[in-house]
């Protein structure tokens, strides 16, 4: 059980980093032409789209879905960390 929780914890860490790469890549012109960023977008867009639907950008020029997405992942990571701690103790 500890191994599964630890693996989930690390996968969430990795996905958070991928979201950050996507955000940094959004500042670069022509990112949609790069195969690397197209792949990153395919990984992150389905998850971030959930938050774009809930909180539409409207007239804002800033997409806050990555902030909300990473916050939700950190909350999930905190829950998994506590489960891991109590399963080991």
C-alpha atoms as a PDB file:
ATOM      1  CA  UNK A   1       0.000   0.000   0.000  1.00  0.00           C
ATOM      2  CA  UNK A   2       2.847   2.363   0.838  1.00  0.00           C
ATOM      3  CA  UNK A   3       4.389   1.818  -2.580  1.00  0.00           C
ATOM      4  CA  UNK A   4       1.163   2.713  -4.380  1.00  0.00           C
ATOM      5  CA  UNK A   5       0.732   5.886  -2.320  1.00  0.00           C
ATOM      6  CA  UNK A   6       4.367   6.872  -2.882  1.00  0.00           C
ATOM      7  CA  UNK A   7       4.020   6.272  -6.627  1.00  0.00           C
ATOM      8  CA  UNK A   8       0.839   8.391  -6.781  1.00  0.00           C
ATOM      9  CA  UNK A   9       2.637  11.145  -4.865  1.00  0.00           C
ATOM     10  CA  UNK A  10       5.502  11.172  -7.374  1.00  0.00           C
ATOM     11  CA  UNK A  11       3.181  11.045 -10.407  1.00  0.00           C
ATOM     12  CA  UNK A  12       1.398  14.140  -9.093  1.00  0.00           C
ATOM     13  CA  UNK A  13       4.790  15.855  -8.701  1.00  0.00           C
ATOM     14  CA  UNK A  14       5.688  14.982 -12.290  1.00  0.00           C
ATOM     15  CA  UNK A  15       2.336  16.172 -13.642  1.00  0.00           C
ATOM     16  CA  UNK A  16       2.713  19.482 -11.784  1.00  0.00           C
ATOM     17  CA  UNK A  17       6.077  19.980 -13.465  1.00  0.00           C
ATOM     18  CA  UNK A  18       4.534  19.198 -16.857  1.00  0.00           C
ATOM     19  CA  UNK A  19       1.853  21.840 -16.218  1.00  0.00           C
ATOM     20  CA  UNK A  20       4.582  24.365 -15.367  1.00  0.00           C
ATOM     21  CA  UNK A  21       6.402  23.509 -18.606  1.00  0.00           C
ATOM     22  CA  UNK A  22       3.144  24.084 -20.470  1.00  0.00           C
ATOM     23  CA  UNK A  23       2.718  27.489 -18.814  1.00  0.00           C
ATOM     24  CA  UNK A  24       6.291  28.504 -19.616  1.00  0.00           C
ATOM     25  CA  UNK A  25       5.830  27.280 -23.175  1.00  0.00           C
ATOM     26  CA  UNK A  26       2.723  29.411 -23.593  1.00  0.00           C
ATOM     27  CA  UNK A  27       4.933  32.502 -23.386  1.00  0.00           C
ATOM     28  CA  UNK A  28       6.883  31.418 -26.480  1.00  0.00           C
ATOM     29  CA  UNK A  29       5.682  32.262 -29.980  1.00  0.00           C
ATOM     30  CA  UNK A  30       5.186  29.267 -32.212  1.00  0.00           C
ATOM     31  CA  UNK A  31       4.848  26.751 -29.414  1.00  0.00           C
ATOM     32  CA  UNK A  32       2.009  25.022 -31.265  1.00  0.00           C
ATOM     33  CA  UNK A  33       4.414  24.192 -34.078  1.00  0.00           C
ATOM     34  CA  UNK A  34       6.864  22.410 -31.793  1.00  0.00           C
ATOM     35  CA  UNK A  35       6.221  18.666 -31.438  1.00  0.00           C
ATOM     36  CA  UNK A  36       7.422  18.829 -27.832  1.00  0.00           C
ATOM     37  CA  UNK A  37       4.891  21.477 -26.795  1.00  0.00           C
ATOM     38  CA  UNK A  38       2.106  19.803 -28.776  1.00  0.00           C
ATOM     39  CA  UNK A  39       2.806  16.666 -26.744  1.00  0.00           C
ATOM     40  CA  UNK A  40       2.869  18.646 -23.478  1.00  0.00           C
ATOM     41  CA  UNK A  41      -0.443  20.304 -24.405  1.00  0.00           C
ATOM     42  CA  UNK A  42      -2.003  16.913 -25.151  1.00  0.00           C
ATOM     43  CA  UNK A  43      -1.026  15.830 -21.650  1.00  0.00           C
ATOM     44  CA  UNK A  44      -2.204  18.932 -19.796  1.00  0.00           C
ATOM     45  CA  UNK A  45      -5.155  20.324 -21.759  1.00  0.00           C
ATOM     46  CA  UNK A  46      -7.759  17.685 -20.783  1.00  0.00           C
ATOM     47  CA  UNK A  47      -7.085  18.282 -17.077  1.00  0.00           C
ATOM     48  CA  UNK A  48      -6.877  22.072 -17.335  1.00  0.00           C
ATOM     49  CA  UNK A  49      -9.996  22.200 -19.522  1.00  0.00           C
ATOM     50  CA  UNK A  50     -12.004  21.078 -16.480  1.00  0.00           C
ATOM     51  CA  UNK A  51     -11.088  24.325 -14.733  1.00  0.00           C
ATOM     52  CA  UNK A  52     -11.524  26.452 -17.852  1.00  0.00           C
ATOM     53  CA  UNK A  53     -15.128  25.244 -18.050  1.00  0.00           C
ATOM     54  CA  UNK A  54     -15.786  25.930 -14.362  1.00  0.00           C
ATOM     55  CA  UNK A  55     -14.096  29.349 -14.366  1.00  0.00           C
ATOM     56  CA  UNK A  56     -14.290  30.860 -17.868  1.00  0.00           C
ATOM     57  CA  UNK A  57     -11.669  33.476 -18.716  1.00  0.00           C
ATOM     58  CA  UNK A  58     -14.257  35.975 -19.937  1.00  0.00           C
ATOM     59  CA  UNK A  59     -12.570  39.329 -20.472  1.00  0.00           C
ATOM     60  CA  UNK A  60      -9.431  38.368 -18.554  1.00  0.00           C
ATOM     61  CA  UNK A  61      -6.219  38.091 -20.518  1.00  0.00           C
ATOM     62  CA  UNK A  62      -4.820  35.570 -18.062  1.00  0.00           C
ATOM     63  CA  UNK A  63      -5.702  31.894 -17.944  1.00  0.00           C
ATOM     64  CA  UNK A  64      -5.803  30.922 -14.271  1.00  0.00           C
ATOM     65  CA  UNK A  65      -6.610  27.257 -14.890  1.00  0.00           C
ATOM     66  CA  UNK A  66      -2.970  26.141 -14.328  1.00  0.00           C
ATOM     67  CA  UNK A  67      -2.959  27.847 -10.923  1.00  0.00           C
ATOM     68  CA  UNK A  68      -6.188  26.131  -9.920  1.00  0.00           C
ATOM     69  CA  UNK A  69      -5.035  22.827 -11.411  1.00  0.00           C
ATOM     70  CA  UNK A  70      -1.749  22.831  -9.508  1.00  0.00           C
ATOM     71  CA  UNK A  71      -3.551  23.868  -6.315  1.00  0.00           C
ATOM     72  CA  UNK A  72      -5.918  20.908  -6.644  1.00  0.00           C
ATOM     73  CA  UNK A  73      -2.959  18.600  -7.301  1.00  0.00           C
ATOM     74  CA  UNK A  74      -1.183  19.922  -4.203  1.00  0.00           C
ATOM     75  CA  UNK A  75      -4.313  19.324  -2.132  1.00  0.00           C
ATOM     76  CA  UNK A  76      -4.479  15.771  -3.452  1.00  0.00           C
ATOM     77  CA  UNK A  77      -0.770  15.361  -2.725  1.00  0.00           C
ATOM     78  CA  UNK A  78      -1.345  16.505   0.848  1.00  0.00           C
ATOM     79  CA  UNK A  79      -4.100  13.932   1.311  1.00  0.00           C
ATOM     80  CA  UNK A  80      -1.912  11.182  -0.153  1.00  0.00           C
ATOM     81  CA  UNK A  81       0.987  12.272   2.058  1.00  0.00           C
ATOM     82  CA  UNK A  82      -1.165  11.950   5.166  1.00  0.00           C
ATOM     83  CA  UNK A  83      -2.454   8.546   4.055  1.00  0.00           C
ATOM     84  CA  UNK A  84       1.132   7.451   3.433  1.00  0.00           C
ATOM     85  CA  UNK A  85       2.225   8.700   6.861  1.00  0.00           C
ATOM     86  CA  UNK A  86      -0.577   6.896   8.680  1.00  0.00           C
ATOM     87  CA  UNK A  87      -0.090   3.688   6.693  1.00  0.00           C
ATOM     88  CA  UNK A  88       3.600   3.565   7.637  1.00  0.00           C
ATOM     89  CA  UNK A  89       3.111   4.417  11.316  1.00  0.00           C
END
